[in-house]
Structures are given as C-alpha cells and as structure tokens.
Amino acid sequence: MPYTIALTGGIGSGKSTISNIFARLNINIIDSDVIAHEMVKPGSHVLRIINERYGCSILTKNGTLFRSRLREIIFQNDKERYWLNNLLHPLIDIKTKELKKTVKSPYVIWVAPLLIENKLQHCADRILVVNVNKSIQLKRVQVRDNVPISQLEQIIAIQATQQQRMVFADDIIDNIGTIENTFLQVIKLHNFYLKLAKMKQG
C-alpha cells in the first residue's frame, strides 16, 4: 500500500481545493465523497436500494439522486443517517482499498471527511487536518450548495469538532487566508511527504 495521507476537515473547510493543489503536483487523490457520488449515479444498485427505502421523492426528474431531499431526511433522523452510513461506508472502504493498489505517485492523498467520526485514523500513515472557522464554513457552503443555515448547523453539529480533529492531526493547513497562502502550505507539506514516503519505501 502507498504512503497514505488522510486529508480531513469539516464541511466547507476547503478539502477539495487543497486536494486539487496536490493533484497539480502529480499526487494521486482518492476522495471518499467522489466515490460516494459514483455509487449513487443513475441506474446504480445503491441508488435503487435508496429509492426503495425512500420512494420516488428521493429522485429528480432526470433520475438522479435528489441530494438536498436526502440531506433533509438523514439530518433529521439519526436512524436513517445510520442506515445510509451502514449502506455506503463498507462499499466506499472496499473501493478505497482497490484504488490504493493503483496509486502511482510516491504517496496518496486520501480525502476522508468523516475520518475521525468513523474511527479510521489507523488506515493512514499521517493525518492532515484543514483548519477553518465556522463562519467561513457556513459562507462557503451556502454559496456552493445553497443550503439553508439551519441545515448547515445540523450537519456541523454531528461532525467531529475542530478540537477533536486536532487531537489526531499530524499536520495542519490553515485555509482561512488567500489561495496563494494555502498553496505555499501545500508545497511545504508535499516536499515533506516525499521524504517520508521515500523513507518508508527504503
């Protein structure tokens, strides 16, 4: 298995922005959210299971997953959230392991938003936490997803706190300034990770 850096952080913290910078440095990215999106594409077995549980209201006219509707369901009902997690997470884990075997770069960035919540810390050689304050999180997600503040508050409430993530952090990126500042932090970590990966391989 390749040297694995788990990239984690709360919703709207900028994980995709940071992983995209690593990708520009020719580092392979395995993103749990991307895998989950692939699993629920139209015609998929997983989408059919979700459809059977929640009915046609969970689908758009085009047959795609009505994500905002699903969010409403799972963030208002713990039982439904656990059901969905139990459906998706084992499949995401299997796919993640398959993708790790195909990694060509010296190390891999594994984007795992729920790393701490799902107690997956042991699956990474190192944990990189994105640091951002709550007001920035709310603003970013509102612009990106047009999600009501009340729903965002629910999502943040069930995620690990930033303090909980920091307990497990080997490295931290402060993503509260300019993109240039974030880029410089990634470059510094990239060079460090290359050395660590080489040590492991050696």
Protein backbone atom coordinates (compact mmCIF):
# COMPACT_ATOMS: atom_id res chain seq x y z
CA MET A 1 0.00 0.00 0.00
CA PRO A 2 1.27 3.54 -0.75
CA TYR A 3 2.23 6.03 1.93
CA THR A 4 -1.20 7.43 2.82
CA ILE A 5 -2.03 10.95 3.95
CA ALA A 6 -5.60 11.25 5.23
CA LEU A 7 -6.96 14.72 4.47
CA THR A 8 -9.90 15.62 6.68
CA GLY A 9 -11.88 18.62 7.86
CA GLY A 10 -15.41 19.86 8.32
CA ILE A 11 -17.88 20.71 5.59
CA GLY A 12 -16.79 23.78 3.64
CA SER A 13 -13.25 23.70 5.05
CA GLY A 14 -11.67 23.54 1.58
CA LYS A 15 -10.64 19.89 1.31
CA SER A 16 -11.34 19.81 -2.44
CA THR A 17 -9.31 22.98 -3.03
CA ILE A 18 -6.36 21.51 -1.17
CA SER A 19 -6.57 18.07 -2.79
CA ASN A 20 -6.70 19.77 -6.21
CA ILE A 21 -3.40 21.50 -5.43
CA PHE A 22 -1.83 18.17 -4.50
CA ALA A 23 -3.21 16.74 -7.76
CA ARG A 24 -1.47 19.52 -9.69
CA LEU A 25 1.75 18.26 -8.11
CA ASN A 26 1.06 14.86 -9.72
CA ILE A 27 -0.09 13.23 -6.50
CA ASN A 28 -2.90 10.67 -6.79
CA ILE A 29 -6.11 11.57 -4.96
CA ILE A 30 -8.66 9.15 -3.52
CA ASP A 31 -11.74 11.10 -2.46
CA SER A 32 -14.43 9.37 -0.39
CA ASP A 33 -17.07 11.88 -1.50
CA VAL A 34 -16.26 11.28 -5.17
CA ILE A 35 -16.56 7.53 -4.62
CA ALA A 36 -19.91 8.01 -2.87
CA HIS A 37 -21.19 10.16 -5.76
CA GLU A 38 -20.19 7.48 -8.25
CA MET A 39 -22.02 4.83 -6.24
CA VAL A 40 -25.36 6.64 -6.47
CA LYS A 41 -25.28 7.55 -10.15
CA PRO A 42 -28.46 6.76 -12.13
CA GLY A 43 -29.02 3.05 -12.66
CA SER A 44 -26.67 2.00 -9.87
CA HIS A 45 -27.54 -0.77 -7.43
CA VAL A 46 -27.00 1.56 -4.46
CA LEU A 47 -29.39 4.19 -5.84
CA ARG A 48 -32.03 1.51 -6.34
CA ILE A 49 -31.72 0.50 -2.67
CA ILE A 50 -32.06 4.12 -1.55
CA ASN A 51 -35.02 4.59 -3.88
CA GLU A 52 -36.74 1.51 -2.46
CA ARG A 53 -36.40 2.87 1.07
CA TYR A 54 -37.49 6.47 0.47
CA GLY A 55 -39.63 6.33 -2.66
CA CYS A 56 -39.63 8.41 -5.84
CA SER A 57 -39.37 11.70 -3.93
CA ILE A 58 -35.69 10.92 -3.49
CA LEU A 59 -35.11 11.14 -7.27
CA THR A 60 -35.10 14.13 -9.60
CA LYS A 61 -36.99 14.14 -12.90
CA ASN A 62 -33.78 13.02 -14.59
CA GLY A 63 -33.46 10.00 -12.29
CA THR A 64 -30.52 11.38 -10.33
CA LEU A 65 -30.35 11.45 -6.56
CA PHE A 66 -32.22 14.40 -5.03
CA ARG A 67 -29.36 15.23 -2.64
CA SER A 68 -30.98 18.08 -0.77
CA ARG A 69 -34.01 15.88 -0.05
CA LEU A 70 -31.78 13.06 1.21
CA ARG A 71 -29.92 15.52 3.44
CA GLU A 72 -33.22 16.63 4.96
CA ILE A 73 -34.09 13.03 5.80
CA ILE A 74 -30.79 11.89 7.30
CA PHE A 75 -30.04 15.02 9.30
CA GLN A 76 -33.46 14.99 10.93
CA ASN A 77 -33.43 11.31 11.81
CA ASP A 78 -30.44 9.54 13.39
CA LYS A 79 -31.83 6.12 12.48
CA GLU A 80 -31.91 7.00 8.77
CA ARG A 81 -28.44 8.51 8.90
CA TYR A 82 -27.06 5.32 10.46
CA TRP A 83 -28.87 3.23 7.84
CA LEU A 84 -27.32 5.22 5.00
CA ASN A 85 -23.86 5.13 6.58
CA ASN A 86 -24.10 1.36 7.00
CA LEU A 87 -25.04 1.04 3.34
CA LEU A 88 -22.37 3.31 1.89
CA HIS A 89 -19.30 3.14 4.13
CA PRO A 90 -18.41 -0.56 3.68
CA LEU A 91 -18.68 -0.10 -0.10
CA ILE A 92 -16.59 3.07 0.00
CA ASP A 93 -13.98 1.22 2.06
CA ILE A 94 -13.76 -1.60 -0.49
CA LYS A 95 -13.40 0.84 -3.39
CA THR A 96 -10.79 2.89 -1.50
CA LYS A 97 -8.63 -0.20 -0.96
CA GLU A 98 -8.95 -1.10 -4.65
CA LEU A 99 -7.86 2.40 -5.70
CA LYS A 100 -4.88 2.39 -3.34
CA LYS A 101 -3.50 -0.58 -5.26
CA THR A 102 -3.45 1.53 -8.44
CA VAL A 103 -1.58 4.52 -6.97
CA LYS A 104 1.48 5.55 -9.00
CA SER A 105 2.62 8.64 -7.07
CA PRO A 106 5.11 8.42 -4.15
CA TYR A 107 2.24 8.98 -1.71
CA VAL A 108 -1.53 9.30 -1.94
CA ILE A 109 -3.90 11.93 -0.57
CA TRP A 110 -6.96 10.16 0.82
CA VAL A 111 -9.76 12.70 1.29
CA ALA A 112 -11.82 11.35 4.20
CA PRO A 113 -14.30 13.91 5.59
CA LEU A 114 -15.54 11.51 8.30
CA LEU A 115 -12.16 10.05 9.22
CA ILE A 116 -12.48 10.83 12.93
CA GLU A 117 -16.22 10.15 13.17
CA ASN A 118 -15.77 6.68 11.64
CA LYS A 119 -12.59 5.96 13.64
CA LEU A 120 -10.48 5.35 10.53
CA GLN A 121 -7.33 7.06 11.80
CA HIS A 122 -5.42 3.76 11.77
CA CYS A 123 -5.88 3.49 7.99
CA ALA A 124 -3.49 6.37 7.30
CA ASP A 125 0.22 6.90 7.83
CA ARG A 126 -0.39 10.55 8.59
CA ILE A 127 -3.38 12.82 9.18
CA LEU A 128 -3.68 16.28 7.64
CA VAL A 129 -6.42 18.48 9.09
CA VAL A 130 -7.79 21.56 7.35
CA ASN A 131 -8.31 24.36 9.85
CA VAL A 132 -11.08 26.89 9.21
CA ASN A 133 -13.50 28.80 11.40
CA LYS A 134 -17.22 28.16 11.44
CA SER A 135 -18.28 31.47 9.86
CA ILE A 136 -16.14 30.74 6.79
CA GLN A 137 -17.54 27.19 6.61
CA LEU A 138 -21.11 28.48 6.59
CA LYS A 139 -20.41 31.13 3.97
CA ARG A 140 -18.60 28.74 1.62
CA VAL A 141 -21.25 26.01 1.73
CA GLN A 142 -24.10 28.48 1.32
CA VAL A 143 -22.51 29.83 -1.84
CA ARG A 144 -21.61 26.35 -3.13
CA ASP A 145 -24.73 24.33 -2.31
CA ASN A 146 -27.41 26.92 -1.49
CA VAL A 147 -28.15 25.03 1.73
CA PRO A 148 -30.24 26.71 4.48
CA ILE A 149 -28.26 27.82 7.54
CA SER A 150 -30.40 25.62 9.79
CA GLN A 151 -29.43 22.51 7.80
CA LEU A 152 -25.77 23.51 7.78
CA GLU A 153 -25.88 23.88 11.55
CA GLN A 154 -27.28 20.33 11.79
CA ILE A 155 -24.51 18.95 9.59
CA ILE A 156 -21.76 20.69 11.56
CA ALA A 157 -23.30 19.58 14.86
CA ILE A 158 -22.99 15.86 14.06
CA GLN A 159 -19.48 16.14 12.67
CA ALA A 160 -16.39 15.96 14.84
CA THR A 161 -15.42 19.32 16.30
CA GLN A 162 -12.26 21.01 15.10
CA GLN A 163 -10.75 20.40 18.53
CA GLN A 164 -11.43 16.66 18.18
CA ARG A 165 -9.76 16.61 14.78
CA MET A 166 -6.74 18.49 16.10
CA VAL A 167 -6.12 15.75 18.67
CA PHE A 168 -5.29 13.39 15.79
CA ALA A 169 -3.63 15.91 13.47
CA ASP A 170 -0.05 15.25 12.40
CA ASP A 171 -0.17 18.26 10.10
CA ILE A 172 -2.47 21.29 9.74
CA ILE A 173 -3.30 23.59 6.86
CA ASP A 174 -4.83 26.93 7.80
CA ASN A 175 -7.27 27.58 4.97
CA ILE A 176 -8.54 30.95 6.15
CA GLY A 177 -6.38 33.24 4.05
CA THR A 178 -5.60 33.61 0.35
CA ILE A 179 -5.31 30.73 -2.10
CA GLU A 180 -1.66 31.67 -2.51
CA ASN A 181 -1.07 31.12 1.20
CA THR A 182 -2.81 27.76 1.06
CA PHE A 183 -0.74 26.80 -1.99
CA LEU A 184 2.52 27.57 -0.17
CA GLN A 185 1.46 25.40 2.77
CA VAL A 186 0.68 22.52 0.42
CA ILE A 187 4.06 22.84 -1.33
CA LYS A 188 5.88 22.67 2.00
CA LEU A 189 3.94 19.58 3.06
CA HIS A 190 4.38 17.99 -0.36
CA ASN A 191 8.17 18.11 -0.05
CA PHE A 192 7.94 16.74 3.47
CA TYR A 193 5.65 13.88 2.41
CA LEU A 194 8.00 12.95 -0.44
CA LYS A 195 10.75 12.45 2.12
CA LEU A 196 8.51 10.40 4.42
CA ALA A 197 7.33 8.21 1.56
CA LYS A 198 10.90 7.61 0.44
CA MET A 199 11.87 6.62 3.98
CA LYS A 200 9.01 4.12 4.14
CA GLN A 201 9.89 2.61 0.78
CA GLY A 202 13.57 2.48 1.65
